[in-house]
Amino acid sequence: MNGLASIAWAQGTSGGSGGGNTLLSLVPFVLIFIIFYFLLILPQQKRQKKLRTMLEALKKGDKVITSSGMWGTVTNLGKDSVTLQISDNAKVKIQRDHIARLRTDEED
């Protein structure tokens, strides 16, 4: 019985210093999270902020491309909607969020 008690005591004392090992085992997960943040999350937040700024600055006459690929010119702006002229006699009303980007002069 005395031998079992000494084995149990020896195992108990080695578990007490395991706190440092636990912190060291978390370091790779923290590094992975930091890498994901800088490679995936931060650039996505920057793109969303840029898109939000562009949507807030829309004005009549802007030439845009929607997320579905339609090309048009802004003719009317509402709070949540935009009216696009897509040809001489055709106008389409879409949600403001569906405008993907402004067209450049080279694309015309």
N, C-alpha and C. Protein backbone atom coordinates (compact mmCIF):
# COMPACT_ATOMS: atom_id res chain seq x y z
N MET A 1 0.81 -1.19 0.00
CA MET A 1 0.00 0.00 0.00
C MET A 1 0.85 1.26 0.00
N ASN A 2 1.99 1.17 0.69
CA ASN A 2 2.88 2.32 0.75
C ASN A 2 3.43 2.66 -0.62
N GLY A 3 3.69 1.67 -1.48
CA GLY A 3 4.19 1.89 -2.83
C GLY A 3 3.16 2.61 -3.70
N LEU A 4 1.87 2.26 -3.54
CA LEU A 4 0.81 2.92 -4.32
C LEU A 4 0.66 4.37 -3.91
N ALA A 5 0.80 4.65 -2.63
CA ALA A 5 0.68 6.02 -2.14
C ALA A 5 1.80 6.89 -2.70
N SER A 6 3.00 6.34 -2.78
CA SER A 6 4.12 7.14 -3.30
C SER A 6 3.97 7.37 -4.80
N ILE A 7 3.40 6.43 -5.54
CA ILE A 7 3.15 6.62 -6.98
C ILE A 7 2.09 7.71 -7.18
N ALA A 8 1.03 7.65 -6.37
CA ALA A 8 -0.03 8.65 -6.48
C ALA A 8 0.50 10.03 -6.13
N TRP A 9 1.37 10.10 -5.09
CA TRP A 9 1.93 11.38 -4.69
C TRP A 9 2.83 11.93 -5.80
N ALA A 10 3.59 11.06 -6.44
CA ALA A 10 4.49 11.48 -7.51
C ALA A 10 3.70 11.99 -8.71
N GLN A 11 2.59 11.36 -9.04
CA GLN A 11 1.76 11.81 -10.14
C GLN A 11 1.09 13.14 -9.80
N GLY A 12 0.70 13.30 -8.56
CA GLY A 12 0.05 14.54 -8.13
C GLY A 12 0.99 15.72 -8.19
N THR A 13 2.25 15.54 -7.85
CA THR A 13 3.19 16.66 -7.87
C THR A 13 3.56 17.05 -9.29
N SER A 14 3.61 16.11 -10.21
CA SER A 14 3.93 16.47 -11.60
C SER A 14 2.77 17.20 -12.25
N GLY A 15 1.55 16.96 -11.82
CA GLY A 15 0.39 17.67 -12.37
C GLY A 15 0.34 19.11 -11.94
N GLY A 16 0.95 19.45 -10.82
CA GLY A 16 0.94 20.82 -10.32
C GLY A 16 1.72 21.76 -11.20
N SER A 17 2.76 21.32 -11.85
CA SER A 17 3.56 22.18 -12.72
C SER A 17 3.04 22.14 -14.15
N GLY A 18 1.92 21.49 -14.40
CA GLY A 18 1.36 21.39 -15.75
C GLY A 18 0.73 22.69 -16.22
N GLY A 19 0.53 23.68 -15.34
CA GLY A 19 -0.06 24.95 -15.74
C GLY A 19 0.77 25.66 -16.78
N GLY A 20 2.08 25.60 -16.64
CA GLY A 20 2.96 26.20 -17.64
C GLY A 20 2.85 25.49 -18.97
N ASN A 21 2.69 24.17 -18.94
CA ASN A 21 2.53 23.40 -20.16
C ASN A 21 1.22 23.75 -20.85
N THR A 22 0.18 24.02 -20.09
CA THR A 22 -1.12 24.38 -20.66
C THR A 22 -1.01 25.71 -21.41
N LEU A 23 -0.32 26.67 -20.82
CA LEU A 23 -0.14 27.95 -21.50
C LEU A 23 0.68 27.80 -22.77
N LEU A 24 1.69 26.97 -22.72
CA LEU A 24 2.50 26.75 -23.92
C LEU A 24 1.71 26.04 -25.02
N SER A 25 0.78 25.19 -24.63
CA SER A 25 -0.01 24.49 -25.64
C SER A 25 -1.04 25.42 -26.29
N LEU A 26 -1.37 26.55 -25.64
CA LEU A 26 -2.31 27.51 -26.22
C LEU A 26 -1.65 28.47 -27.20
N VAL A 27 -0.33 28.60 -27.14
CA VAL A 27 0.39 29.54 -27.99
C VAL A 27 0.14 29.28 -29.49
N PRO A 28 0.17 28.05 -29.98
CA PRO A 28 -0.10 27.85 -31.42
C PRO A 28 -1.51 28.29 -31.82
N PHE A 29 -2.50 28.07 -30.95
CA PHE A 29 -3.86 28.49 -31.28
C PHE A 29 -3.97 30.01 -31.33
N VAL A 30 -3.30 30.68 -30.42
CA VAL A 30 -3.30 32.14 -30.43
C VAL A 30 -2.62 32.66 -31.69
N LEU A 31 -1.51 32.06 -32.06
CA LEU A 31 -0.81 32.48 -33.28
C LEU A 31 -1.66 32.24 -34.52
N ILE A 32 -2.36 31.12 -34.57
CA ILE A 32 -3.26 30.83 -35.71
C ILE A 32 -4.36 31.87 -35.79
N PHE A 33 -4.94 32.24 -34.64
CA PHE A 33 -6.00 33.26 -34.63
C PHE A 33 -5.46 34.60 -35.13
N ILE A 34 -4.26 34.96 -34.69
CA ILE A 34 -3.66 36.24 -35.12
C ILE A 34 -3.42 36.23 -36.63
N ILE A 35 -2.93 35.13 -37.15
CA ILE A 35 -2.69 35.02 -38.59
C ILE A 35 -4.01 35.12 -39.36
N PHE A 36 -5.05 34.42 -38.90
CA PHE A 36 -6.36 34.50 -39.55
C PHE A 36 -6.90 35.92 -39.51
N TYR A 37 -6.70 36.60 -38.39
CA TYR A 37 -7.21 37.96 -38.26
C TYR A 37 -6.57 38.87 -39.30
N PHE A 38 -5.26 38.81 -39.43
CA PHE A 38 -4.58 39.71 -40.35
C PHE A 38 -4.73 39.30 -41.81
N LEU A 39 -4.91 38.01 -42.08
CA LEU A 39 -5.03 37.58 -43.48
C LEU A 39 -6.47 37.55 -43.98
N LEU A 40 -7.45 37.32 -43.11
CA LEU A 40 -8.83 37.16 -43.56
C LEU A 40 -9.78 38.22 -43.01
N ILE A 41 -9.80 38.41 -41.72
CA ILE A 41 -10.81 39.26 -41.10
C ILE A 41 -10.55 40.74 -41.38
N LEU A 42 -9.35 41.21 -41.15
CA LEU A 42 -9.04 42.62 -41.33
C LEU A 42 -9.24 43.09 -42.78
N PRO A 43 -8.74 42.36 -43.79
CA PRO A 43 -9.00 42.81 -45.18
C PRO A 43 -10.48 42.83 -45.53
N GLN A 44 -11.25 41.86 -45.02
CA GLN A 44 -12.69 41.84 -45.28
C GLN A 44 -13.37 43.05 -44.66
N GLN A 45 -12.97 43.43 -43.46
CA GLN A 45 -13.55 44.62 -42.82
C GLN A 45 -13.21 45.88 -43.61
N LYS A 46 -12.00 45.94 -44.15
CA LYS A 46 -11.62 47.11 -44.96
C LYS A 46 -12.44 47.18 -46.23
N ARG A 47 -12.67 46.02 -46.89
CA ARG A 47 -13.50 46.01 -48.11
C ARG A 47 -14.93 46.44 -47.80
N GLN A 48 -15.48 45.96 -46.69
CA GLN A 48 -16.85 46.33 -46.32
C GLN A 48 -16.95 47.82 -46.03
N LYS A 49 -15.96 48.38 -45.36
CA LYS A 49 -15.98 49.81 -45.06
C LYS A 49 -15.89 50.63 -46.34
N LYS A 50 -15.03 50.20 -47.27
CA LYS A 50 -14.89 50.90 -48.55
C LYS A 50 -16.19 50.84 -49.34
N LEU A 51 -16.85 49.67 -49.37
CA LEU A 51 -18.11 49.52 -50.08
C LEU A 51 -19.20 50.39 -49.44
N ARG A 52 -19.27 50.40 -48.11
CA ARG A 52 -20.26 51.21 -47.40
C ARG A 52 -20.07 52.69 -47.71
N THR A 53 -18.80 53.13 -47.74
CA THR A 53 -18.51 54.53 -48.06
C THR A 53 -18.93 54.86 -49.49
N MET A 54 -18.67 53.94 -50.43
CA MET A 54 -19.05 54.15 -51.82
C MET A 54 -20.57 54.23 -51.95
N LEU A 55 -21.30 53.35 -51.25
CA LEU A 55 -22.76 53.35 -51.35
C LEU A 55 -23.35 54.63 -50.76
N GLU A 56 -22.76 55.14 -49.69
CA GLU A 56 -23.26 56.38 -49.09
C GLU A 56 -22.98 57.59 -49.97
N ALA A 57 -21.94 57.52 -50.81
CA ALA A 57 -21.55 58.65 -51.65
C ALA A 57 -22.17 58.59 -53.04
N LEU A 58 -23.06 57.62 -53.30
CA LEU A 58 -23.68 57.52 -54.63
C LEU A 58 -24.46 58.80 -54.94
N LYS A 59 -24.45 59.18 -56.21
CA LYS A 59 -25.21 60.35 -56.64
C LYS A 59 -25.77 60.09 -58.04
N LYS A 60 -26.72 60.91 -58.42
CA LYS A 60 -27.31 60.77 -59.75
C LYS A 60 -26.23 60.93 -60.81
N GLY A 61 -26.32 60.10 -61.84
CA GLY A 61 -25.36 60.15 -62.93
C GLY A 61 -24.18 59.20 -62.77
N ASP A 62 -24.02 58.61 -61.59
CA ASP A 62 -22.93 57.64 -61.40
C ASP A 62 -23.19 56.40 -62.24
N LYS A 63 -22.16 55.91 -62.86
CA LYS A 63 -22.25 54.68 -63.65
C LYS A 63 -21.77 53.54 -62.77
N VAL A 64 -22.65 52.54 -62.60
CA VAL A 64 -22.38 51.47 -61.64
C VAL A 64 -22.55 50.09 -62.28
N ILE A 65 -22.04 49.09 -61.57
CA ILE A 65 -22.26 47.69 -61.91
C ILE A 65 -22.85 47.03 -60.67
N THR A 66 -23.95 46.30 -60.86
CA THR A 66 -24.59 45.63 -59.73
C THR A 66 -23.90 44.31 -59.44
N SER A 67 -24.26 43.72 -58.31
CA SER A 67 -23.66 42.43 -57.94
C SER A 67 -24.11 41.32 -58.89
N SER A 68 -25.21 41.52 -59.60
CA SER A 68 -25.65 40.51 -60.57
C SER A 68 -25.05 40.75 -61.95
N GLY A 69 -24.31 41.85 -62.11
CA GLY A 69 -23.62 42.10 -63.37
C GLY A 69 -24.30 43.10 -64.29
N MET A 70 -25.40 43.70 -63.87
CA MET A 70 -26.07 44.70 -64.72
C MET A 70 -25.30 46.01 -64.67
N TRP A 71 -25.17 46.63 -65.84
CA TRP A 71 -24.54 47.93 -65.95
C TRP A 71 -25.64 48.97 -66.06
N GLY A 72 -25.49 50.07 -65.33
CA GLY A 72 -26.50 51.09 -65.42
C GLY A 72 -26.00 52.43 -64.90
N THR A 73 -26.87 53.43 -65.06
CA THR A 73 -26.58 54.78 -64.58
C THR A 73 -27.63 55.14 -63.55
N VAL A 74 -27.19 55.68 -62.42
CA VAL A 74 -28.10 56.04 -61.33
C VAL A 74 -28.95 57.22 -61.78
N THR A 75 -30.29 57.04 -61.71
CA THR A 75 -31.19 58.14 -62.06
C THR A 75 -31.96 58.66 -60.86
N ASN A 76 -32.11 57.84 -59.83
CA ASN A 76 -32.85 58.26 -58.64
C ASN A 76 -32.32 57.49 -57.44
N LEU A 77 -32.25 58.16 -56.30
CA LEU A 77 -31.76 57.55 -55.08
C LEU A 77 -32.82 57.62 -53.99
N GLY A 78 -33.06 56.49 -53.34
CA GLY A 78 -33.92 56.44 -52.17
C GLY A 78 -33.07 56.06 -50.97
N LYS A 79 -33.73 55.90 -49.84
CA LYS A 79 -32.99 55.53 -48.63
C LYS A 79 -32.35 54.15 -48.79
N ASP A 80 -33.12 53.18 -49.24
CA ASP A 80 -32.63 51.81 -49.39
C ASP A 80 -32.62 51.33 -50.82
N SER A 81 -33.05 52.17 -51.76
CA SER A 81 -33.16 51.72 -53.15
C SER A 81 -32.49 52.72 -54.09
N VAL A 82 -32.20 52.22 -55.28
CA VAL A 82 -31.58 53.02 -56.34
C VAL A 82 -32.28 52.67 -57.63
N THR A 83 -32.60 53.66 -58.43
CA THR A 83 -33.16 53.42 -59.75
C THR A 83 -32.05 53.58 -60.77
N LEU A 84 -31.89 52.53 -61.57
CA LEU A 84 -30.84 52.51 -62.59
C LEU A 84 -31.47 52.55 -63.97
N GLN A 85 -30.89 53.33 -64.84
CA GLN A 85 -31.28 53.29 -66.25
C GLN A 85 -30.31 52.34 -66.92
N ILE A 86 -30.86 51.23 -67.45
CA ILE A 86 -30.00 50.21 -68.03
C ILE A 86 -29.99 50.26 -69.56
N SER A 87 -30.96 50.97 -70.14
CA SER A 87 -30.95 51.24 -71.57
C SER A 87 -31.76 52.51 -71.78
N ASP A 88 -31.98 52.90 -73.05
CA ASP A 88 -32.66 54.17 -73.31
C ASP A 88 -34.06 54.22 -72.70
N ASN A 89 -34.80 53.11 -72.75
CA ASN A 89 -36.18 53.12 -72.28
C ASN A 89 -36.42 52.19 -71.10
N ALA A 90 -35.39 51.71 -70.45
CA ALA A 90 -35.58 50.75 -69.36
C ALA A 90 -34.91 51.23 -68.08
N LYS A 91 -35.71 51.28 -67.02
CA LYS A 91 -35.21 51.62 -65.71
C LYS A 91 -35.54 50.49 -64.75
N VAL A 92 -34.63 50.24 -63.81
CA VAL A 92 -34.78 49.16 -62.84
C VAL A 92 -34.55 49.73 -61.46
N LYS A 93 -35.42 49.34 -60.53
CA LYS A 93 -35.24 49.76 -59.14
C LYS A 93 -34.66 48.59 -58.36
N ILE A 94 -33.51 48.81 -57.71
CA ILE A 94 -32.86 47.74 -56.96
C ILE A 94 -32.50 48.25 -55.57
N GLN A 95 -32.16 47.31 -54.70
CA GLN A 95 -31.68 47.69 -53.38
C GLN A 95 -30.29 48.30 -53.50
N ARG A 96 -30.04 49.28 -52.68
CA ARG A 96 -28.75 49.97 -52.70
C ARG A 96 -27.60 49.00 -52.42
N ASP A 97 -27.84 48.01 -51.57
CA ASP A 97 -26.79 47.05 -51.19
C ASP A 97 -26.33 46.19 -52.35
N HIS A 98 -27.10 46.12 -53.42
CA HIS A 98 -26.74 45.27 -54.55
C HIS A 98 -25.85 45.95 -55.58
N ILE A 99 -25.44 47.17 -55.31
CA ILE A 99 -24.49 47.83 -56.19
C ILE A 99 -23.10 47.39 -55.75
N ALA A 100 -22.37 46.80 -56.68
CA ALA A 100 -21.06 46.23 -56.35
C ALA A 100 -19.94 47.26 -56.45
N ARG A 101 -19.98 48.07 -57.53
CA ARG A 101 -18.89 49.03 -57.70
C ARG A 101 -19.26 50.07 -58.74
N LEU A 102 -18.47 51.12 -58.77
CA LEU A 102 -18.60 52.16 -59.79
C LEU A 102 -17.83 51.72 -61.03
N ARG A 103 -18.36 52.09 -62.19
CA ARG A 103 -17.64 51.80 -63.44
C ARG A 103 -16.57 52.84 -63.66
N THR A 104 -15.50 52.42 -64.28
CA THR A 104 -14.44 53.37 -64.63
C THR A 104 -14.64 53.82 -66.07
N ASP A 105 -13.92 54.84 -66.47
CA ASP A 105 -14.03 55.36 -67.83
C ASP A 105 -13.55 54.35 -68.86
N GLU A 106 -12.59 53.53 -68.47
CA GLU A 106 -12.07 52.52 -69.41
C GLU A 106 -13.11 51.44 -69.71
N GLU A 107 -14.05 51.21 -68.82
CA GLU A 107 -15.04 50.17 -69.01
C GLU A 107 -16.18 50.58 -69.94
N ASP A 108 -16.31 51.87 -70.20
CA ASP A 108 -17.40 52.33 -71.07
C ASP A 108 -17.05 52.02 -72.46
